[in-house]
Amino acid sequence: MSQLKSSVEALHSTKEGFEAELHQDLLSTLSVSDQREVDILADSIRQLTKENKETFTRRMQKEAEKNKLENTLNNNLMRCANYKYCTGHIKVGKLDRLLYYLLLFYFQTSR
């Protein structure tokens, strides 16, 4: 029983030591060169975060532009195919149909 009490007391003192460390300012325990390195790393992280956000924004813009172009192309292909089939004025050859279906397949699978 006394052994358990001494173990509990040791754990409490260890806990208090850890809590004291927890409330210390980490930078104050570092050397000057370590503090300088932390500052350099923090600046690098800020710069990379900024570049990442800018790149993400550009990517979203390009993705929206790509989707708009795909929709326009698909609509034009459908309009052209419907016009050719409906009017009967323009004969649609096998190559025209093949090209249409290849383009349609490409845009459906590239998403």
PDB file of N, CA and C in Angstrom:
ATOM      1  N   MET A   1       0.832  -1.200   0.000  1.00  0.00           N
ATOM      2  CA  MET A   1       0.000   0.000   0.000  1.00  0.00           C
ATOM      3  C   MET A   1       0.870   1.254   0.000  1.00  0.00           C
ATOM      4  N   SER A   2       1.918   1.234   0.839  1.00  0.00           N
ATOM      5  CA  SER A   2       2.805   2.401   0.883  1.00  0.00           C
ATOM      6  C   SER A   2       3.546   2.584  -0.441  1.00  0.00           C
ATOM      7  N   GLN A   3       3.787   1.473  -1.110  1.00  0.00           N
ATOM      8  CA  GLN A   3       4.457   1.543  -2.411  1.00  0.00           C
ATOM      9  C   GLN A   3       3.561   2.238  -3.433  1.00  0.00           C
ATOM     10  N   LEU A   4       2.260   1.956  -3.396  1.00  0.00           N
ATOM     11  CA  LEU A   4       1.305   2.608  -4.298  1.00  0.00           C
ATOM     12  C   LEU A   4       1.207   4.097  -4.004  1.00  0.00           C
ATOM     13  N   LYS A   5       1.213   4.460  -2.699  1.00  0.00           N
ATOM     14  CA  LYS A   5       1.137   5.872  -2.334  1.00  0.00           C
ATOM     15  C   LYS A   5       2.357   6.617  -2.850  1.00  0.00           C
ATOM     16  N   SER A   6       3.527   6.019  -2.714  1.00  0.00           N
ATOM     17  CA  SER A   6       4.730   6.704  -3.200  1.00  0.00           C
ATOM     18  C   SER A   6       4.719   6.798  -4.720  1.00  0.00           C
ATOM     19  N   SER A   7       4.167   5.801  -5.408  1.00  0.00           N
ATOM     20  CA  SER A   7       4.044   5.856  -6.875  1.00  0.00           C
ATOM     21  C   SER A   7       3.101   6.978  -7.293  1.00  0.00           C
ATOM     22  N   VAL A   8       1.983   7.101  -6.562  1.00  0.00           N
ATOM     23  CA  VAL A   8       1.014   8.164  -6.868  1.00  0.00           C
ATOM     24  C   VAL A   8       1.647   9.532  -6.640  1.00  0.00           C
ATOM     25  N   GLU A   9       2.382   9.689  -5.555  1.00  0.00           N
ATOM     26  CA  GLU A   9       3.056  10.969  -5.280  1.00  0.00           C
ATOM     27  C   GLU A   9       4.082  11.282  -6.364  1.00  0.00           C
ATOM     28  N   ALA A  10       4.808  10.266  -6.811  1.00  0.00           N
ATOM     29  CA  ALA A  10       5.795  10.483  -7.877  1.00  0.00           C
ATOM     30  C   ALA A  10       5.103  10.904  -9.167  1.00  0.00           C
ATOM     31  N   LEU A  11       3.979  10.283  -9.470  1.00  0.00           N
ATOM     32  CA  LEU A  11       3.217  10.650 -10.673  1.00  0.00           C
ATOM     33  C   LEU A  11       2.682  12.071 -10.575  1.00  0.00           C
ATOM     34  N   HIS A  12       2.208  12.474  -9.398  1.00  0.00           N
ATOM     35  CA  HIS A  12       1.716  13.837  -9.204  1.00  0.00           C
ATOM     36  C   HIS A  12       2.844  14.849  -9.401  1.00  0.00           C
ATOM     37  N   SER A  13       4.023  14.565  -8.852  1.00  0.00           N
ATOM     38  CA  SER A  13       5.132  15.511  -9.016  1.00  0.00           C
ATOM     39  C   SER A  13       5.578  15.573 -10.477  1.00  0.00           C
ATOM     40  N   THR A  14       5.548  14.430 -11.183  1.00  0.00           N
ATOM     41  CA  THR A  14       5.883  14.418 -12.613  1.00  0.00           C
ATOM     42  C   THR A  14       4.857  15.227 -13.392  1.00  0.00           C
ATOM     43  N   LYS A  15       3.602  15.066 -13.041  1.00  0.00           N
ATOM     44  CA  LYS A  15       2.520  15.819 -13.701  1.00  0.00           C
ATOM     45  C   LYS A  15       2.718  17.314 -13.492  1.00  0.00           C
ATOM     46  N   GLU A  16       3.032  17.727 -12.273  1.00  0.00           N
ATOM     47  CA  GLU A  16       3.258  19.149 -11.986  1.00  0.00           C
ATOM     48  C   GLU A  16       4.449  19.679 -12.775  1.00  0.00           C
ATOM     49  N   GLY A  17       5.502  18.868 -12.904  1.00  0.00           N
ATOM     50  CA  GLY A  17       6.657  19.286 -13.694  1.00  0.00           C
ATOM     51  C   GLY A  17       6.296  19.475 -15.159  1.00  0.00           C
ATOM     52  N   PHE A  18       5.514  18.546 -15.701  1.00  0.00           N
ATOM     53  CA  PHE A  18       5.077  18.663 -17.095  1.00  0.00           C
ATOM     54  C   PHE A  18       4.181  19.881 -17.298  1.00  0.00           C
ATOM     55  N   GLU A  19       3.301  20.147 -16.341  1.00  0.00           N
ATOM     56  CA  GLU A  19       2.429  21.314 -16.451  1.00  0.00           C
ATOM     57  C   GLU A  19       3.235  22.603 -16.391  1.00  0.00           C
ATOM     58  N   ALA A  20       4.265  22.629 -15.576  1.00  0.00           N
ATOM     59  CA  ALA A  20       5.130  23.811 -15.514  1.00  0.00           C
ATOM     60  C   ALA A  20       5.842  24.013 -16.849  1.00  0.00           C
ATOM     61  N   GLU A  21       6.318  22.933 -17.449  1.00  0.00           N
ATOM     62  CA  GLU A  21       6.959  23.025 -18.765  1.00  0.00           C
ATOM     63  C   GLU A  21       5.973  23.484 -19.821  1.00  0.00           C
ATOM     64  N   LEU A  22       4.745  23.030 -19.700  1.00  0.00           N
ATOM     65  CA  LEU A  22       3.714  23.362 -20.677  1.00  0.00           C
ATOM     66  C   LEU A  22       3.473  24.868 -20.738  1.00  0.00           C
ATOM     67  N   HIS A  23       3.578  25.548 -19.615  1.00  0.00           N
ATOM     68  CA  HIS A  23       3.280  26.983 -19.569  1.00  0.00           C
ATOM     69  C   HIS A  23       4.500  27.853 -19.858  1.00  0.00           C
ATOM     70  N   GLN A  24       5.653  27.240 -20.130  1.00  0.00           N
ATOM     71  CA  GLN A  24       6.845  28.020 -20.463  1.00  0.00           C
ATOM     72  C   GLN A  24       6.788  28.433 -21.928  1.00  0.00           C
ATOM     73  N   ASP A  25       7.373  29.584 -22.210  1.00  0.00           N
ATOM     74  CA  ASP A  25       7.488  30.040 -23.593  1.00  0.00           C
ATOM     75  C   ASP A  25       8.608  29.253 -24.254  1.00  0.00           C
ATOM     76  N   LEU A  26       8.262  28.514 -25.289  1.00  0.00           N
ATOM     77  CA  LEU A  26       9.231  27.633 -25.936  1.00  0.00           C
ATOM     78  C   LEU A  26      10.388  28.416 -26.539  1.00  0.00           C
ATOM     79  N   LEU A  27      10.097  29.568 -27.144  1.00  0.00           N
ATOM     80  CA  LEU A  27      11.163  30.338 -27.788  1.00  0.00           C
ATOM     81  C   LEU A  27      12.201  30.839 -26.788  1.00  0.00           C
ATOM     82  N   SER A  28      11.785  31.091 -25.553  1.00  0.00           N
ATOM     83  CA  SER A  28      12.746  31.587 -24.566  1.00  0.00           C
ATOM     84  C   SER A  28      13.747  30.508 -24.162  1.00  0.00           C
ATOM     85  N   THR A  29      13.407  29.256 -24.373  1.00  0.00           N
ATOM     86  CA  THR A  29      14.336  28.177 -24.020  1.00  0.00           C
ATOM     87  C   THR A  29      15.298  27.852 -25.154  1.00  0.00           C
ATOM     88  N   LEU A  30      15.075  28.428 -26.346  1.00  0.00           N
ATOM     89  CA  LEU A  30      15.940  28.149 -27.490  1.00  0.00           C
ATOM     90  C   LEU A  30      17.132  29.094 -27.512  1.00  0.00           C
ATOM     91  N   SER A  31      18.184  28.641 -28.158  1.00  0.00           N
ATOM     92  CA  SER A  31      19.344  29.518 -28.338  1.00  0.00           C
ATOM     93  C   SER A  31      19.005  30.558 -29.400  1.00  0.00           C
ATOM     94  N   VAL A  32      19.853  31.561 -29.527  1.00  0.00           N
ATOM     95  CA  VAL A  32      19.616  32.639 -30.497  1.00  0.00           C
ATOM     96  C   VAL A  32      19.594  32.076 -31.913  1.00  0.00           C
ATOM     97  N   SER A  33      20.523  31.185 -32.215  1.00  0.00           N
ATOM     98  CA  SER A  33      20.556  30.611 -33.567  1.00  0.00           C
ATOM     99  C   SER A  33      19.323  29.744 -33.828  1.00  0.00           C
ATOM    100  N   ASP A  34      18.862  29.028 -32.800  1.00  0.00           N
ATOM    101  CA  ASP A  34      17.641  28.231 -32.957  1.00  0.00           C
ATOM    102  C   ASP A  34      16.422  29.130 -33.161  1.00  0.00           C
ATOM    103  N   GLN A  35      16.362  30.239 -32.441  1.00  0.00           N
ATOM    104  CA  GLN A  35      15.258  31.193 -32.622  1.00  0.00           C
ATOM    105  C   GLN A  35      15.272  31.768 -34.029  1.00  0.00           C
ATOM    106  N   ARG A  36      16.470  32.075 -34.527  1.00  0.00           N
ATOM    107  CA  ARG A  36      16.604  32.601 -35.889  1.00  0.00           C
ATOM    108  C   ARG A  36      16.110  31.561 -36.902  1.00  0.00           C
ATOM    109  N   GLU A  37      16.478  30.310 -36.685  1.00  0.00           N
ATOM    110  CA  GLU A  37      16.048  29.239 -37.589  1.00  0.00           C
ATOM    111  C   GLU A  37      14.532  29.061 -37.556  1.00  0.00           C
ATOM    112  N   VAL A  38      13.941  29.149 -36.365  1.00  0.00           N
ATOM    113  CA  VAL A  38      12.481  29.059 -36.248  1.00  0.00           C
ATOM    114  C   VAL A  38      11.823  30.204 -37.011  1.00  0.00           C
ATOM    115  N   ASP A  39      12.389  31.418 -36.911  1.00  0.00           N
ATOM    116  CA  ASP A  39      11.844  32.567 -37.648  1.00  0.00           C
ATOM    117  C   ASP A  39      11.932  32.343 -39.152  1.00  0.00           C
ATOM    118  N   ILE A  40      13.072  31.814 -39.618  1.00  0.00           N
ATOM    119  CA  ILE A  40      13.246  31.551 -41.053  1.00  0.00           C
ATOM    120  C   ILE A  40      12.237  30.500 -41.526  1.00  0.00           C
ATOM    121  N   LEU A  41      12.067  29.457 -40.734  1.00  0.00           N
ATOM    122  CA  LEU A  41      11.102  28.420 -41.095  1.00  0.00           C
ATOM    123  C   LEU A  41       9.670  28.957 -41.111  1.00  0.00           C
ATOM    124  N   ALA A  42       9.344  29.814 -40.142  1.00  0.00           N
ATOM    125  CA  ALA A  42       7.997  30.401 -40.107  1.00  0.00           C
ATOM    126  C   ALA A  42       7.763  31.263 -41.341  1.00  0.00           C
ATOM    127  N   ASP A  43       8.773  32.044 -41.749  1.00  0.00           N
ATOM    128  CA  ASP A  43       8.654  32.852 -42.965  1.00  0.00           C
ATOM    129  C   ASP A  43       8.473  31.965 -44.191  1.00  0.00           C
ATOM    130  N   SER A  44       9.230  30.875 -44.258  1.00  0.00           N
ATOM    131  CA  SER A  44       9.107  29.946 -45.387  1.00  0.00           C
ATOM    132  C   SER A  44       7.708  29.331 -45.435  1.00  0.00           C
ATOM    133  N   ILE A  45       7.198  28.974 -44.269  1.00  0.00           N
ATOM    134  CA  ILE A  45       5.853  28.389 -44.214  1.00  0.00           C
ATOM    135  C   ILE A  45       4.814  29.395 -44.692  1.00  0.00           C
ATOM    136  N   ARG A  46       4.939  30.646 -44.257  1.00  0.00           N
ATOM    137  CA  ARG A  46       3.997  31.677 -44.702  1.00  0.00           C
ATOM    138  C   ARG A  46       4.067  31.866 -46.214  1.00  0.00           C
ATOM    139  N   GLN A  47       5.283  31.913 -46.767  1.00  0.00           N
ATOM    140  CA  GLN A  47       5.460  32.100 -48.205  1.00  0.00           C
ATOM    141  C   GLN A  47       4.881  30.914 -48.984  1.00  0.00           C
ATOM    142  N   LEU A  48       5.160  29.704 -48.537  1.00  0.00           N
ATOM    143  CA  LEU A  48       4.641  28.520 -49.225  1.00  0.00           C
ATOM    144  C   LEU A  48       3.122  28.432 -49.137  1.00  0.00           C
ATOM    145  N   THR A  49       2.576  28.829 -47.999  1.00  0.00           N
ATOM    146  CA  THR A  49       1.120  28.844 -47.852  1.00  0.00           C
ATOM    147  C   THR A  49       0.491  29.835 -48.823  1.00  0.00           C
ATOM    148  N   LYS A  50       1.103  30.996 -48.953  1.00  0.00           N
ATOM    149  CA  LYS A  50       0.608  32.015 -49.884  1.00  0.00           C
ATOM    150  C   LYS A  50       0.674  31.494 -51.321  1.00  0.00           C
ATOM    151  N   GLU A  51       1.805  30.893 -51.701  1.00  0.00           N
ATOM    152  CA  GLU A  51       1.951  30.349 -53.051  1.00  0.00           C
ATOM    153  C   GLU A  51       0.945  29.233 -53.304  1.00  0.00           C
ATOM    154  N   ASN A  52       0.710  28.412 -52.293  1.00  0.00           N
ATOM    155  CA  ASN A  52      -0.255  27.324 -52.426  1.00  0.00           C
ATOM    156  C   ASN A  52      -1.659  27.871 -52.684  1.00  0.00           C
ATOM    157  N   LYS A  53      -2.041  28.911 -51.955  1.00  0.00           N
ATOM    158  CA  LYS A  53      -3.366  29.504 -52.156  1.00  0.00           C
ATOM    159  C   LYS A  53      -3.495  30.109 -53.543  1.00  0.00           C
ATOM    160  N   GLU A  54      -2.438  30.796 -53.998  1.00  0.00           N
ATOM    161  CA  GLU A  54      -2.465  31.394 -55.327  1.00  0.00           C
ATOM    162  C   GLU A  54      -2.562  30.322 -56.409  1.00  0.00           C
ATOM    163  N   THR A  55      -1.795  29.251 -56.244  1.00  0.00           N
ATOM    164  CA  THR A  55      -1.822  28.162 -57.216  1.00  0.00           C
ATOM    165  C   THR A  55      -3.185  27.490 -57.234  1.00  0.00           C
ATOM    166  N   PHE A  56      -3.765  27.294 -56.065  1.00  0.00           N
ATOM    167  CA  PHE A  56      -5.095  26.687 -55.980  1.00  0.00           C
ATOM    168  C   PHE A  56      -6.125  27.569 -56.686  1.00  0.00           C
ATOM    169  N   THR A  57      -6.022  28.884 -56.484  1.00  0.00           N
ATOM    170  CA  THR A  57      -6.956  29.804 -57.134  1.00  0.00           C
ATOM    171  C   THR A  57      -6.816  29.731 -58.649  1.00  0.00           C
ATOM    172  N   ARG A  58      -5.557  29.732 -59.136  1.00  0.00           N
ATOM    173  CA  ARG A  58      -5.332  29.627 -60.591  1.00  0.00           C
ATOM    174  C   ARG A  58      -5.872  28.296 -61.123  1.00  0.00           C
ATOM    175  N   ARG A  59      -5.668  27.237 -60.370  1.00  0.00           N
ATOM    176  CA  ARG A  59      -6.155  25.923 -60.800  1.00  0.00           C
ATOM    177  C   ARG A  59      -7.673  25.920 -60.917  1.00  0.00           C
ATOM    178  N   MET A  60      -8.351  26.514 -59.945  1.00  0.00           N
ATOM    179  CA  MET A  60      -9.808  26.561 -59.984  1.00  0.00           C
ATOM    180  C   MET A  60     -10.293  27.384 -61.177  1.00  0.00           C
ATOM    181  N   GLN A  61      -9.583  28.481 -61.481  1.00  0.00           N
ATOM    182  CA  GLN A  61      -9.949  29.296 -62.635  1.00  0.00           C
ATOM    183  C   GLN A  61      -9.774  28.505 -63.929  1.00  0.00           C
ATOM    184  N   LYS A  62      -8.663  27.786 -64.037  1.00  0.00           N
ATOM    185  CA  LYS A  62      -8.407  26.980 -65.234  1.00  0.00           C
ATOM    186  C   LYS A  62      -9.415  25.845 -65.353  1.00  0.00           C
ATOM    187  N   GLU A  63      -9.769  25.249 -64.230  1.00  0.00           N
ATOM    188  CA  GLU A  63     -10.761  24.178 -64.234  1.00  0.00           C
ATOM    189  C   GLU A  63     -12.114  24.706 -64.711  1.00  0.00           C
ATOM    190  N   ALA A  64     -12.489  25.889 -64.231  1.00  0.00           N
ATOM    191  CA  ALA A  64     -13.755  26.491 -64.663  1.00  0.00           C
ATOM    192  C   ALA A  64     -13.714  26.816 -66.153  1.00  0.00           C
ATOM    193  N   GLU A  65     -12.581  27.345 -66.620  1.00  0.00           N
ATOM    194  CA  GLU A  65     -12.426  27.654 -68.044  1.00  0.00           C
ATOM    195  C   GLU A  65     -12.510  26.375 -68.880  1.00  0.00           C
ATOM    196  N   LYS A  66     -11.857  25.306 -68.426  1.00  0.00           N
ATOM    197  CA  LYS A  66     -11.889  24.025 -69.130  1.00  0.00           C
ATOM    198  C   LYS A  66     -13.317  23.495 -69.211  1.00  0.00           C
ATOM    199  N   ASN A  67     -14.044  23.554 -68.090  1.00  0.00           N
ATOM    200  CA  ASN A  67     -15.430  23.077 -68.084  1.00  0.00           C
ATOM    201  C   ASN A  67     -16.301  23.885 -69.030  1.00  0.00           C
ATOM    202  N   LYS A  68     -16.077  25.182 -69.055  1.00  0.00           N
ATOM    203  CA  LYS A  68     -16.854  26.046 -69.954  1.00  0.00           C
ATOM    204  C   LYS A  68     -16.578  25.677 -71.410  1.00  0.00           C
ATOM    205  N   LEU A  69     -15.301  25.477 -71.751  1.00  0.00           N
ATOM    206  CA  LEU A  69     -14.943  25.105 -73.115  1.00  0.00           C
ATOM    207  C   LEU A  69     -15.482  23.725 -73.483  1.00  0.00           C
ATOM    208  N   GLU A  70     -15.405  22.785 -72.545  1.00  0.00           N
ATOM    209  CA  GLU A  70     -15.954  21.450 -72.803  1.00  0.00           C
ATOM    210  C   GLU A  70     -17.454  21.512 -73.059  1.00  0.00           C
ATOM    211  N   ASN A  71     -18.160  22.291 -72.258  1.00  0.00           N
ATOM    212  CA  ASN A  71     -19.608  22.422 -72.444  1.00  0.00           C
ATOM    213  C   ASN A  71     -19.934  23.070 -73.785  1.00  0.00           C
ATOM    214  N   THR A  72     -19.177  24.106 -74.131  1.00  0.00           N
ATOM    215  CA  THR A  72     -19.400  24.773 -75.410  1.00  0.00           C
ATOM    216  C   THR A  72     -19.140  23.812 -76.559  1.00  0.00           C
ATOM    217  N   LEU A  73     -18.035  23.089 -76.493  1.00  0.00           N
ATOM    218  CA  LEU A  73     -17.718  22.127 -77.545  1.00  0.00           C
ATOM    219  C   LEU A  73     -18.780  21.044 -77.635  1.00  0.00           C
ATOM    220  N   ASN A  74     -19.176  20.519 -76.492  1.00  0.00           N
ATOM    221  CA  ASN A  74     -20.185  19.467 -76.489  1.00  0.00           C
ATOM    222  C   ASN A  74     -21.504  19.977 -77.056  1.00  0.00           C
ATOM    223  N   ASN A  75     -21.904  21.175 -76.649  1.00  0.00           N
ATOM    224  CA  ASN A  75     -23.149  21.744 -77.172  1.00  0.00           C
ATOM    225  C   ASN A  75     -23.065  21.969 -78.673  1.00  0.00           C
ATOM    226  N   ASN A  76     -21.923  22.483 -79.138  1.00  0.00           N
ATOM    227  CA  ASN A  76     -21.752  22.712 -80.575  1.00  0.00           C
ATOM    228  C   ASN A  76     -21.738  21.397 -81.353  1.00  0.00           C
ATOM    229  N   LEU A  77     -21.092  20.374 -80.793  1.00  0.00           N
ATOM    230  CA  LEU A  77     -21.086  19.074 -81.459  1.00  0.00           C
ATOM    231  C   LEU A  77     -22.490  18.501 -81.536  1.00  0.00           C
ATOM    232  N   MET A  78     -23.232  18.621 -80.452  1.00  0.00           N
ATOM    233  CA  MET A  78     -24.613  18.119 -80.449  1.00  0.00           C
ATOM    234  C   MET A  78     -25.470  18.897 -81.439  1.00  0.00           C
ATOM    235  N   ARG A  79     -25.309  20.213 -81.443  1.00  0.00           N
ATOM    236  CA  ARG A  79     -26.093  21.049 -82.361  1.00  0.00           C
ATOM    237  C   ARG A  79     -25.759  20.687 -83.801  1.00  0.00           C
ATOM    238  N   CYS A  80     -24.469  20.523 -84.064  1.00  0.00           N
ATOM    239  CA  CYS A  80     -24.025  20.175 -85.408  1.00  0.00           C
ATOM    240  C   CYS A  80     -24.548  18.797 -85.798  1.00  0.00           C
ATOM    241  N   ALA A  81     -24.426  17.837 -84.904  1.00  0.00           N
ATOM    242  CA  ALA A  81     -24.889  16.483 -85.197  1.00  0.00           C
ATOM    243  C   ALA A  81     -26.398  16.472 -85.399  1.00  0.00           C
ATOM    244  N   ASN A  82     -27.139  17.169 -84.534  1.00  0.00           N
ATOM    245  CA  ASN A  82     -28.596  17.236 -84.681  1.00  0.00           C
ATOM    246  C   ASN A  82     -28.977  17.925 -85.985  1.00  0.00           C
ATOM    247  N   TYR A  83     -28.265  18.981 -86.348  1.00  0.00           N
ATOM    248  CA  TYR A  83     -28.560  19.705 -87.582  1.00  0.00           C
ATOM    249  C   TYR A  83     -28.315  18.798 -88.785  1.00  0.00           C
ATOM    250  N   LYS A  84     -27.190  18.112 -88.771  1.00  0.00           N
ATOM    251  CA  LYS A  84     -26.853  17.254 -89.902  1.00  0.00           C
ATOM    252  C   LYS A  84     -27.853  16.115 -90.044  1.00  0.00           C
ATOM    253  N   TYR A  85     -28.269  15.543 -88.913  1.00  0.00           N
ATOM    254  CA  TYR A  85     -29.196  14.419 -88.979  1.00  0.00           C
ATOM    255  C   TYR A  85     -30.619  14.880 -89.292  1.00  0.00           C
ATOM    256  N   CYS A  86     -31.008  16.025 -88.767  1.00  0.00           N
ATOM    257  CA  CYS A  86     -32.389  16.472 -88.910  1.00  0.00           C
ATOM    258  C   CYS A  86     -32.669  17.087 -90.273  1.00  0.00           C
ATOM    259  N   THR A  87     -31.739  17.851 -90.800  1.00  0.00           N
ATOM    260  CA  THR A  87     -32.032  18.567 -92.033  1.00  0.00           C
ATOM    261  C   THR A  87     -31.905  17.686 -93.260  1.00  0.00           C
ATOM    262  N   GLY A  88     -30.978  16.754 -93.199  1.00  0.00           N
ATOM    263  CA  GLY A  88     -30.788  15.904 -94.368  1.00  0.00           C
ATOM    264  C   GLY A  88     -30.028  16.604 -95.475  1.00  0.00           C
ATOM    265  N   HIS A  89     -29.706  17.901 -95.289  1.00  0.00           N
ATOM    266  CA  HIS A  89     -28.970  18.632 -96.315  1.00  0.00           C
ATOM    267  C   HIS A  89     -27.496  18.239 -96.337  1.00  0.00           C
ATOM    268  N   ILE A  90     -27.002  17.916 -95.182  1.00  0.00           N
ATOM    269  CA  ILE A  90     -25.583  17.596 -95.093  1.00  0.00           C
ATOM    270  C   ILE A  90     -25.467  16.114 -94.755  1.00  0.00           C
ATOM    271  N   LYS A  91     -24.762  15.423 -95.581  1.00  0.00           N
ATOM    272  CA  LYS A  91     -24.575  14.006 -95.319  1.00  0.00           C
ATOM    273  C   LYS A  91     -23.476  13.827 -94.277  1.00  0.00           C
ATOM    274  N   VAL A  92     -23.780  13.081 -93.262  1.00  0.00           N
ATOM    275  CA  VAL A  92     -22.806  12.817 -92.209  1.00  0.00           C
ATOM    276  C   VAL A  92     -22.132  11.496 -92.538  1.00  0.00           C
ATOM    277  N   GLY A  93     -20.838  11.577 -92.722  1.00  0.00           N
ATOM    278  CA  GLY A  93     -20.097  10.375 -93.056  1.00  0.00           C
ATOM    279  C   GLY A  93     -19.676   9.621 -91.816  1.00  0.00           C
ATOM    280  N   LYS A  94     -19.106   8.456 -92.043  1.00  0.00           N
ATOM    281  CA  LYS A  94     -18.653   7.625 -90.928  1.00  0.00           C
ATOM    282  C   LYS A  94     -17.554   8.317 -90.145  1.00  0.00           C
ATOM    283  N   LEU A  95     -16.693   9.060 -90.827  1.00  0.00           N
ATOM    284  CA  LEU A  95     -15.611   9.745 -90.122  1.00  0.00           C
ATOM    285  C   LEU A  95     -16.138  10.862 -89.231  1.00  0.00           C
ATOM    286  N   ASP A  96     -17.174  11.573 -89.703  1.00  0.00           N
ATOM    287  CA  ASP A  96     -17.776  12.625 -88.879  1.00  0.00           C
ATOM    288  C   ASP A  96     -18.360  12.042 -87.598  1.00  0.00           C
ATOM    289  N   ARG A  97     -19.075  10.944 -87.721  1.00  0.00           N
ATOM    290  CA  ARG A  97     -19.659  10.301 -86.549  1.00  0.00           C
ATOM    291  C   ARG A  97     -18.571   9.776 -85.623  1.00  0.00           C
ATOM    292  N   LEU A  98     -17.536   9.175 -86.193  1.00  0.00           N
ATOM    293  CA  LEU A  98     -16.434   8.649 -85.408  1.00  0.00           C
ATOM    294  C   LEU A  98     -15.742   9.769 -84.633  1.00  0.00           C
ATOM    295  N   LEU A  99     -15.482  10.878 -85.309  1.00  0.00           N
ATOM    296  CA  LEU A  99     -14.849  12.024 -84.648  1.00  0.00           C
ATOM    297  C   LEU A  99     -15.742  12.545 -83.528  1.00  0.00           C
ATOM    298  N   TYR A 100     -17.022  12.655 -83.781  1.00  0.00           N
ATOM    299  CA  TYR A 100     -17.958  13.130 -82.765  1.00  0.00           C
ATOM    300  C   TYR A 100     -17.919  12.225 -81.533  1.00  0.00           C
ATOM    301  N   TYR A 101     -18.015  10.919 -81.755  1.00  0.00           N
ATOM    302  CA  TYR A 101     -18.040   9.998 -80.612  1.00  0.00           C
ATOM    303  C   TYR A 101     -16.691   9.932 -79.896  1.00  0.00           C
ATOM    304  N   LEU A 102     -15.603  10.063 -80.626  1.00  0.00           N
ATOM    305  CA  LEU A 102     -14.292  10.101 -79.988  1.00  0.00           C
ATOM    306  C   LEU A 102     -14.154  11.332 -79.094  1.00  0.00           C
ATOM    307  N   LEU A 103     -14.570  12.480 -79.614  1.00  0.00           N
ATOM    308  CA  LEU A 103     -14.504  13.699 -78.805  1.00  0.00           C
ATOM    309  C   LEU A 103     -15.428  13.606 -77.600  1.00  0.00           C
ATOM    310  N   LEU A 104     -16.592  13.086 -77.792  1.00  0.00           N
ATOM    311  CA  LEU A 104     -17.533  12.930 -76.690  1.00  0.00           C
ATOM    312  C   LEU A 104     -16.963  11.984 -75.632  1.00  0.00           C
ATOM    313  N   PHE A 105     -16.397  10.872 -76.064  1.00  0.00           N
ATOM    314  CA  PHE A 105     -15.787   9.917 -75.132  1.00  0.00           C
ATOM    315  C   PHE A 105     -14.619  10.559 -74.397  1.00  0.00           C
ATOM    316  N   TYR A 106     -13.787  11.301 -75.113  1.00  0.00           N
ATOM    317  CA  TYR A 106     -12.628  11.950 -74.495  1.00  0.00           C
ATOM    318  C   TYR A 106     -13.067  12.892 -73.381  1.00  0.00           C
ATOM    319  N   PHE A 107     -14.058  13.727 -73.632  1.00  0.00           N
ATOM    320  CA  PHE A 107     -14.460  14.705 -72.638  1.00  0.00           C
ATOM    321  C   PHE A 107     -15.206  14.051 -71.475  1.00  0.00           C
ATOM    322  N   GLN A 108     -15.868  12.955 -71.722  1.00  0.00           N
ATOM    323  CA  GLN A 108     -16.543  12.278 -70.614  1.00  0.00           C
ATOM    324  C   GLN A 108     -15.553  11.563 -69.723  1.00  0.00           C
ATOM    325  N   THR A 109     -14.476  11.029 -70.278  1.00  0.00           N
ATOM    326  CA  THR A 109     -13.509  10.286 -69.474  1.00  0.00           C
ATOM    327  C   THR A 109     -12.449  11.187 -68.871  1.00  0.00           C
ATOM    328  N   SER A 110     -12.280  12.406 -69.344  1.00  0.00           N
ATOM    329  CA  SER A 110     -11.227  13.280 -68.832  1.00  0.00           C
ATOM    330  C   SER A 110     -11.647  14.048 -67.591  1.00  0.00           C
ATOM    331  N   ARG A 111     -12.843  13.856 -67.127  1.00  0.00           N
ATOM    332  CA  ARG A 111     -13.293  14.580 -65.939  1.00  0.00           C
ATOM    333  C   ARG A 111     -12.807  13.936 -64.703  1.00  0.00           C
TER     334      ARG A 111
END
